[in-house]
PDB file of N, CA and C in Angstrom:
ATOM      1  N   MET A   1     -40.683   0.981 -14.608  1.00  0.00           N
ATOM      2  CA  MET A   1     -40.387   1.734 -16.069  1.00  0.00           C
ATOM      3  C   MET A   1     -40.689   0.761 -17.174  1.00  0.00           C
ATOM      4  N   LYS A   2     -41.255   0.753 -17.867  1.00  0.00           N
ATOM      5  CA  LYS A   2     -41.534  -0.247 -19.102  1.00  0.00           C
ATOM      6  C   LYS A   2     -40.599   0.089 -20.219  1.00  0.00           C
ATOM      7  N   THR A   3     -39.989  -0.804 -20.759  1.00  0.00           N
ATOM      8  CA  THR A   3     -39.486  -0.332 -21.975  1.00  0.00           C
ATOM      9  C   THR A   3     -39.404  -1.627 -22.856  1.00  0.00           C
ATOM     10  N   ALA A   4     -39.015  -1.778 -24.134  1.00  0.00           N
ATOM     11  CA  ALA A   4     -38.903  -2.895 -24.963  1.00  0.00           C
ATOM     12  C   ALA A   4     -37.545  -2.902 -25.659  1.00  0.00           C
ATOM     13  N   ILE A   5     -37.273  -4.169 -25.420  1.00  0.00           N
ATOM     14  CA  ILE A   5     -35.754  -4.504 -25.966  1.00  0.00           C
ATOM     15  C   ILE A   5     -35.936  -5.680 -26.987  1.00  0.00           C
ATOM     16  N   SER A   6     -34.853  -5.946 -27.794  1.00  0.00           N
ATOM     17  CA  SER A   6     -34.589  -6.911 -28.872  1.00  0.00           C
ATOM     18  C   SER A   6     -33.644  -7.639 -28.471  1.00  0.00           C
ATOM     19  N   ILE A   7     -33.850  -9.130 -28.227  1.00  0.00           N
ATOM     20  CA  ILE A   7     -32.847  -9.980 -27.783  1.00  0.00           C
ATOM     21  C   ILE A   7     -33.085 -11.254 -28.837  1.00  0.00           C
ATOM     22  N   PRO A   8     -31.811 -12.214 -29.023  1.00  0.00           N
ATOM     23  CA  PRO A   8     -31.727 -13.141 -30.135  1.00  0.00           C
ATOM     24  C   PRO A   8     -32.787 -14.081 -29.414  1.00  0.00           C
ATOM     25  N   ASP A   9     -33.604 -14.789 -30.192  1.00  0.00           N
ATOM     26  CA  ASP A   9     -34.297 -16.034 -29.661  1.00  0.00           C
ATOM     27  C   ASP A   9     -33.592 -16.840 -28.977  1.00  0.00           C
ATOM     28  N   ASP A  10     -32.582 -17.384 -28.926  1.00  0.00           N
ATOM     29  CA  ASP A  10     -31.869 -18.165 -28.204  1.00  0.00           C
ATOM     30  C   ASP A  10     -31.769 -17.892 -26.902  1.00  0.00           C
ATOM     31  N   VAL A  11     -31.152 -16.315 -26.795  1.00  0.00           N
ATOM     32  CA  VAL A  11     -31.247 -15.757 -25.390  1.00  0.00           C
ATOM     33  C   VAL A  11     -32.562 -15.778 -24.930  1.00  0.00           C
ATOM     34  N   PHE A  12     -33.571 -15.448 -25.418  1.00  0.00           N
ATOM     35  CA  PHE A  12     -34.882 -15.216 -24.926  1.00  0.00           C
ATOM     36  C   PHE A  12     -35.353 -16.649 -24.262  1.00  0.00           C
ATOM     37  N   ALA A  13     -34.856 -17.816 -25.289  1.00  0.00           N
ATOM     38  CA  ALA A  13     -35.349 -19.146 -24.584  1.00  0.00           C
ATOM     39  C   ALA A  13     -34.629 -19.374 -23.360  1.00  0.00           C
ATOM     40  N   ARG A  14     -33.095 -19.127 -23.246  1.00  0.00           N
ATOM     41  CA  ARG A  14     -32.648 -19.557 -21.977  1.00  0.00           C
ATOM     42  C   ARG A  14     -32.846 -18.255 -20.899  1.00  0.00           C
ATOM     43  N   VAL A  15     -33.402 -17.514 -21.019  1.00  0.00           N
ATOM     44  CA  VAL A  15     -33.916 -16.523 -20.085  1.00  0.00           C
ATOM     45  C   VAL A  15     -35.153 -17.038 -19.348  1.00  0.00           C
ATOM     46  N   GLU A  16     -36.013 -17.652 -20.499  1.00  0.00           N
ATOM     47  CA  GLU A  16     -37.441 -18.064 -20.122  1.00  0.00           C
ATOM     48  C   GLU A  16     -36.957 -19.363 -19.187  1.00  0.00           C
ATOM     49  N   SER A  17     -36.238 -19.932 -19.297  1.00  0.00           N
ATOM     50  CA  SER A  17     -35.818 -21.440 -18.682  1.00  0.00           C
ATOM     51  C   SER A  17     -35.286 -21.108 -17.350  1.00  0.00           C
ATOM     52  N   PHE A  18     -34.460 -20.131 -17.220  1.00  0.00           N
ATOM     53  CA  PHE A  18     -33.941 -19.766 -15.992  1.00  0.00           C
ATOM     54  C   PHE A  18     -34.769 -19.095 -15.495  1.00  0.00           C
ATOM     55  N   ALA A  19     -35.304 -18.272 -15.730  1.00  0.00           N
ATOM     56  CA  ALA A  19     -36.315 -17.564 -14.935  1.00  0.00           C
ATOM     57  C   ALA A  19     -37.360 -18.566 -14.302  1.00  0.00           C
ATOM     58  N   HIS A  20     -37.690 -19.335 -15.191  1.00  0.00           N
ATOM     59  CA  HIS A  20     -38.966 -20.157 -14.723  1.00  0.00           C
ATOM     60  C   HIS A  20     -38.247 -21.299 -13.667  1.00  0.00           C
ATOM     61  N   ARG A  21     -37.092 -21.412 -13.852  1.00  0.00           N
ATOM     62  CA  ARG A  21     -36.390 -22.603 -12.643  1.00  0.00           C
ATOM     63  C   ARG A  21     -36.295 -21.691 -11.450  1.00  0.00           C
ATOM     64  N   ARG A  22     -35.993 -20.622 -11.559  1.00  0.00           N
ATOM     65  CA  ARG A  22     -35.889 -19.863 -10.293  1.00  0.00           C
ATOM     66  C   ARG A  22     -36.991 -19.198  -9.622  1.00  0.00           C
ATOM     67  N   LYS A  23     -37.894 -19.337 -10.344  1.00  0.00           N
ATOM     68  CA  LYS A  23     -39.397 -18.938 -10.044  1.00  0.00           C
ATOM     69  C   LYS A  23     -39.523 -16.950  -9.982  1.00  0.00           C
ATOM     70  N   MET A  24     -38.910 -16.722 -10.990  1.00  0.00           N
ATOM     71  CA  MET A  24     -38.592 -15.121 -11.233  1.00  0.00           C
ATOM     72  C   MET A  24     -39.556 -14.840 -12.326  1.00  0.00           C
ATOM     73  N   THR A  25     -39.813 -13.560 -12.337  1.00  0.00           N
ATOM     74  CA  THR A  25     -40.372 -12.737 -13.629  1.00  0.00           C
ATOM     75  C   THR A  25     -39.019 -12.635 -14.638  1.00  0.00           C
ATOM     76  N   ARG A  26     -39.307 -12.377 -15.920  1.00  0.00           N
ATOM     77  CA  ARG A  26     -38.364 -12.238 -16.666  1.00  0.00           C
ATOM     78  C   ARG A  26     -37.929 -10.570 -16.214  1.00  0.00           C
ATOM     79  N   SER A  27     -38.660  -9.925 -15.990  1.00  0.00           N
ATOM     80  CA  SER A  27     -38.473  -8.501 -15.674  1.00  0.00           C
ATOM     81  C   SER A  27     -37.550  -8.481 -14.267  1.00  0.00           C
ATOM     82  N   SER A  28     -37.849  -9.365 -13.665  1.00  0.00           N
ATOM     83  CA  SER A  28     -36.875  -9.330 -12.484  1.00  0.00           C
ATOM     84  C   SER A  28     -35.582  -9.899 -12.737  1.00  0.00           C
ATOM     85  N   LEU A  29     -35.465 -10.947 -13.726  1.00  0.00           N
ATOM     86  CA  LEU A  29     -34.366 -11.535 -13.981  1.00  0.00           C
ATOM     87  C   LEU A  29     -33.428 -10.307 -14.824  1.00  0.00           C
ATOM     88  N   PHE A  30     -34.190  -9.619 -15.739  1.00  0.00           N
ATOM     89  CA  PHE A  30     -33.314  -8.390 -16.369  1.00  0.00           C
ATOM     90  C   PHE A  30     -32.956  -7.508 -15.482  1.00  0.00           C
ATOM     91  N   THR A  31     -33.537  -7.334 -14.455  1.00  0.00           N
ATOM     92  CA  THR A  31     -33.100  -6.126 -13.483  1.00  0.00           C
ATOM     93  C   THR A  31     -32.141  -6.734 -12.717  1.00  0.00           C
ATOM     94  N   VAL A  32     -31.663  -7.734 -12.194  1.00  0.00           N
ATOM     95  CA  VAL A  32     -30.911  -8.424 -11.672  1.00  0.00           C
ATOM     96  C   VAL A  32     -29.648  -8.497 -12.429  1.00  0.00           C
ATOM     97  N   ALA A  33     -29.896  -8.815 -13.295  1.00  0.00           N
ATOM     98  CA  ALA A  33     -28.683  -9.035 -14.536  1.00  0.00           C
ATOM     99  C   ALA A  33     -28.228  -7.831 -15.181  1.00  0.00           C
ATOM    100  N   VAL A  34     -28.944  -6.625 -15.438  1.00  0.00           N
ATOM    101  CA  VAL A  34     -28.378  -5.504 -15.370  1.00  0.00           C
ATOM    102  C   VAL A  34     -27.622  -4.810 -14.501  1.00  0.00           C
ATOM    103  N   ASP A  35     -28.259  -5.027 -13.198  1.00  0.00           N
ATOM    104  CA  ASP A  35     -27.527  -4.444 -11.813  1.00  0.00           C
ATOM    105  C   ASP A  35     -26.530  -5.039 -11.739  1.00  0.00           C
ATOM    106  N   GLU A  36     -26.418  -6.490 -11.712  1.00  0.00           N
ATOM    107  CA  GLU A  36     -24.901  -7.058 -11.369  1.00  0.00           C
ATOM    108  C   GLU A  36     -23.739  -6.631 -12.538  1.00  0.00           C
ATOM    109  N   TYR A  37     -24.270  -6.577 -13.907  1.00  0.00           N
ATOM    110  CA  TYR A  37     -23.506  -6.010 -14.954  1.00  0.00           C
ATOM    111  C   TYR A  37     -22.723  -4.813 -14.609  1.00  0.00           C
ATOM    112  N   LEU A  38     -23.831  -3.762 -14.318  1.00  0.00           N
ATOM    113  CA  LEU A  38     -23.269  -2.452 -13.820  1.00  0.00           C
ATOM    114  C   LEU A  38     -22.378  -2.405 -12.703  1.00  0.00           C
ATOM    115  N   LEU A  39     -22.978  -3.179 -11.374  1.00  0.00           N
ATOM    116  CA  LEU A  39     -21.822  -3.214 -10.363  1.00  0.00           C
ATOM    117  C   LEU A  39     -20.544  -3.816 -10.894  1.00  0.00           C
ATOM    118  N   HIS A  40     -20.447  -4.742 -11.716  1.00  0.00           N
ATOM    119  CA  HIS A  40     -19.264  -5.286 -12.269  1.00  0.00           C
ATOM    120  C   HIS A  40     -18.251  -4.366 -12.811  1.00  0.00           C
ATOM    121  N   HIS A  41     -18.823  -3.608 -13.679  1.00  0.00           N
ATOM    122  CA  HIS A  41     -18.151  -2.420 -14.552  1.00  0.00           C
ATOM    123  C   HIS A  41     -18.236  -1.159 -13.925  1.00  0.00           C
ATOM    124  N   ARG A  42     -18.306  -0.820 -12.476  1.00  0.00           N
ATOM    125  CA  ARG A  42     -18.347   0.699 -12.246  1.00  0.00           C
ATOM    126  C   ARG A  42     -17.164   1.210 -12.164  1.00  0.00           C
ATOM    127  N   ASN A  43     -16.037   0.447 -12.090  1.00  0.00           N
ATOM    128  CA  ASN A  43     -14.987   1.156 -11.896  1.00  0.00           C
ATOM    129  C   ASN A  43     -14.195   1.166 -13.378  1.00  0.00           C
ATOM    130  N   ASP A  44     -14.694   0.776 -14.423  1.00  0.00           N
ATOM    131  CA  ASP A  44     -14.002   0.868 -15.681  1.00  0.00           C
ATOM    132  C   ASP A  44     -13.522   2.404 -16.138  1.00  0.00           C
ATOM    133  N   ASP A  45     -14.328   3.015 -15.594  1.00  0.00           N
ATOM    134  CA  ASP A  45     -14.173   4.657 -15.970  1.00  0.00           C
ATOM    135  C   ASP A  45     -12.943   5.139 -15.086  1.00  0.00           C
ATOM    136  N   VAL A  46     -12.810   4.849 -13.934  1.00  0.00           N
ATOM    137  CA  VAL A  46     -11.581   4.967 -13.258  1.00  0.00           C
ATOM    138  C   VAL A  46     -10.361   4.200 -13.736  1.00  0.00           C
ATOM    139  N   THR A  47     -10.585   3.364 -14.037  1.00  0.00           N
ATOM    140  CA  THR A  47      -9.254   2.559 -14.767  1.00  0.00           C
ATOM    141  C   THR A  47      -8.715   3.174 -15.759  1.00  0.00           C
ATOM    142  N   ARG A  48      -9.671   3.477 -16.899  1.00  0.00           N
ATOM    143  CA  ARG A  48      -9.453   4.183 -18.171  1.00  0.00           C
ATOM    144  C   ARG A  48      -8.988   5.671 -17.920  1.00  0.00           C
ATOM    145  N   ARG A  49      -9.186   6.313 -16.757  1.00  0.00           N
ATOM    146  CA  ARG A  49      -8.750   7.700 -16.445  1.00  0.00           C
ATOM    147  C   ARG A  49      -7.241   7.546 -15.676  1.00  0.00           C
ATOM    148  N   LEU A  50      -7.060   6.578 -14.843  1.00  0.00           N
ATOM    149  CA  LEU A  50      -5.772   6.365 -14.573  1.00  0.00           C
ATOM    150  C   LEU A  50      -4.692   5.531 -15.461  1.00  0.00           C
ATOM    151  N   ASN A  51      -5.161   4.716 -16.417  1.00  0.00           N
ATOM    152  CA  ASN A  51      -4.410   4.495 -17.549  1.00  0.00           C
ATOM    153  C   ASN A  51      -3.851   5.819 -18.302  1.00  0.00           C
ATOM    154  N   GLU A  52      -4.840   6.485 -18.543  1.00  0.00           N
ATOM    155  CA  GLU A  52      -4.395   7.780 -19.282  1.00  0.00           C
ATOM    156  C   GLU A  52      -3.608   8.726 -18.646  1.00  0.00           C
ATOM    157  N   VAL A  53      -3.749   8.936 -17.273  1.00  0.00           N
ATOM    158  CA  VAL A  53      -2.686   9.728 -16.451  1.00  0.00           C
ATOM    159  C   VAL A  53      -1.197   8.874 -16.367  1.00  0.00           C
ATOM    160  N   TYR A  54      -1.266   7.827 -16.364  1.00  0.00           N
ATOM    161  CA  TYR A  54       0.022   6.869 -16.286  1.00  0.00           C
ATOM    162  C   TYR A  54       0.702   6.809 -17.687  1.00  0.00           C
ATOM    163  N   ALA A  55      -0.088   7.126 -18.705  1.00  0.00           N
ATOM    164  CA  ALA A  55       0.697   6.997 -20.078  1.00  0.00           C
ATOM    165  C   ALA A  55       1.644   8.039 -20.381  1.00  0.00           C
ATOM    166  N   SER A  56       1.454   9.383 -19.396  1.00  0.00           N
ATOM    167  CA  SER A  56       2.282  10.177 -19.669  1.00  0.00           C
ATOM    168  C   SER A  56       3.055  10.571 -18.234  1.00  0.00           C
ATOM    169  N   GLU A  57       2.664   9.899 -17.222  1.00  0.00           N
ATOM    170  CA  GLU A  57       3.401  10.263 -15.836  1.00  0.00           C
ATOM    171  C   GLU A  57       4.309   9.006 -15.612  1.00  0.00           C
ATOM    172  N   ASP A  58       5.362   9.222 -14.925  1.00  0.00           N
ATOM    173  CA  ASP A  58       6.389   8.186 -14.487  1.00  0.00           C
ATOM    174  C   ASP A  58       5.471   7.780 -13.197  1.00  0.00           C
ATOM    175  N   SER A  59       5.566   6.404 -13.095  1.00  0.00           N
ATOM    176  CA  SER A  59       4.704   5.810 -11.945  1.00  0.00           C
ATOM    177  C   SER A  59       5.804   4.825 -10.993  1.00  0.00           C
ATOM    178  N   SER A  60       7.413   5.033 -11.215  1.00  0.00           N
ATOM    179  CA  SER A  60       8.118   4.359 -10.809  1.00  0.00           C
ATOM    180  C   SER A  60       8.273   5.093  -9.149  1.00  0.00           C
ATOM    181  N   LEU A  61       8.764   3.964  -8.219  1.00  0.00           N
ATOM    182  CA  LEU A  61       9.005   4.507  -6.965  1.00  0.00           C
ATOM    183  C   LEU A  61      10.276   5.134  -6.977  1.00  0.00           C
ATOM    184  N   ASP A  62      10.355   6.067  -6.135  1.00  0.00           N
ATOM    185  CA  ASP A  62      11.498   7.206  -5.942  1.00  0.00           C
ATOM    186  C   ASP A  62      12.559   6.407  -5.513  1.00  0.00           C
ATOM    187  N   PRO A  63      13.824   6.421  -5.934  1.00  0.00           N
ATOM    188  CA  PRO A  63      14.828   5.494  -5.777  1.00  0.00           C
ATOM    189  C   PRO A  63      15.163   5.532  -3.872  1.00  0.00           C
ATOM    190  N   VAL A  64      15.060   6.529  -3.412  1.00  0.00           N
ATOM    191  CA  VAL A  64      15.170   6.681  -1.961  1.00  0.00           C
ATOM    192  C   VAL A  64      14.017   5.935  -1.161  1.00  0.00           C
ATOM    193  N   PHE A  65      13.002   6.130  -1.476  1.00  0.00           N
ATOM    194  CA  PHE A  65      11.684   5.096  -0.964  1.00  0.00           C
ATOM    195  C   PHE A  65      12.095   3.676  -1.377  1.00  0.00           C
ATOM    196  N   ALA A  66      12.409   3.441  -2.418  1.00  0.00           N
ATOM    197  CA  ALA A  66      12.468   1.780  -2.874  1.00  0.00           C
ATOM    198  C   ALA A  66      13.816   1.436  -2.120  1.00  0.00           C
ATOM    199  N   ARG A  67      14.631   2.252  -1.621  1.00  0.00           N
ATOM    200  CA  ARG A  67      15.773   1.625  -0.777  1.00  0.00           C
ATOM    201  C   ARG A  67      15.300   1.485   0.750  1.00  0.00           C
ATOM    202  N   LEU A  68      14.388   2.486   1.543  1.00  0.00           N
ATOM    203  CA  LEU A  68      14.039   2.619   2.551  1.00  0.00           C
ATOM    204  C   LEU A  68      13.024   1.163   2.724  1.00  0.00           C
ATOM    205  N   GLN A  69      12.173   1.090   1.557  1.00  0.00           N
ATOM    206  CA  GLN A  69      11.172  -0.202   1.715  1.00  0.00           C
ATOM    207  C   GLN A  69      11.956  -1.208   1.715  1.00  0.00           C
ATOM    208  N   SER A  70      13.094  -1.525   0.845  1.00  0.00           N
ATOM    209  CA  SER A  70      13.969  -2.988   1.001  1.00  0.00           C
ATOM    210  C   SER A  70      14.786  -3.137   2.208  1.00  0.00           C
ATOM    211  N   LEU A  71      14.992  -1.878   2.913  1.00  0.00           N
ATOM    212  CA  LEU A  71      15.844  -2.132   4.194  1.00  0.00           C
ATOM    213  C   LEU A  71      14.715  -2.367   5.268  1.00  0.00           C
ATOM    214  N   SER A  72      13.348  -2.141   5.235  1.00  0.00           N
ATOM    215  CA  SER A  72      12.563  -2.354   5.935  1.00  0.00           C
ATOM    216  C   SER A  72      11.817  -3.842   6.044  1.00  0.00           C
ATOM    217  N   LEU A  73      12.323  -4.656   4.972  1.00  0.00           N
ATOM    218  CA  LEU A  73      12.080  -6.033   4.955  1.00  0.00           C
ATOM    219  C   LEU A  73      12.785  -7.115   5.830  1.00  0.00           C
ATOM    220  N   PRO A  74      12.300  -7.675   6.626  1.00  0.00           N
ATOM    221  CA  PRO A  74      13.355  -8.857   7.205  1.00  0.00           C
ATOM    222  C   PRO A  74      14.162  -9.723   6.479  1.00  0.00           C
ATOM    223  N   LYS A  75      15.187  -9.962   6.811  1.00  0.00           N
ATOM    224  CA  LYS A  75      16.226 -10.780   6.251  1.00  0.00           C
ATOM    225  C   LYS A  75      15.809 -12.119   6.172  1.00  0.00           C
ATOM    226  N   GLU A  76      15.978 -12.662   4.997  1.00  0.00           N
ATOM    227  CA  GLU A  76      15.464 -13.996   4.850  1.00  0.00           C
ATOM    228  C   GLU A  76      16.760 -14.858   4.332  1.00  0.00           C
ATOM    229  N   ASP A  77      16.875 -16.381   4.583  1.00  0.00           N
ATOM    230  CA  ASP A  77      17.734 -17.264   4.060  1.00  0.00           C
ATOM    231  C   ASP A  77      17.228 -18.014   2.981  1.00  0.00           C
ATOM    232  N   TRP A  78      17.885 -18.080   1.847  1.00  0.00           N
ATOM    233  CA  TRP A  78      17.119 -18.949   0.785  1.00  0.00           C
ATOM    234  C   TRP A  78      18.026 -19.922   0.812  1.00  0.00           C
TER     235      TRP A  78
END
């Protein structure tokens, strides 16, 4: 798909230079860059929704489970 975007001149110059050094087209570079950005941010919505849930729900460990968890740890001398 073809599209037109506007970017600052200094960014365009860096894109041109980088793409040339990597022997890539600008289109390839923009495709890879956007794909990596989307991959990096794929869980943002999940995090936002979990934050919403735990803003109103108690997320502390049940005291019985906390005690059992501490009993399961090996004793260490400090």
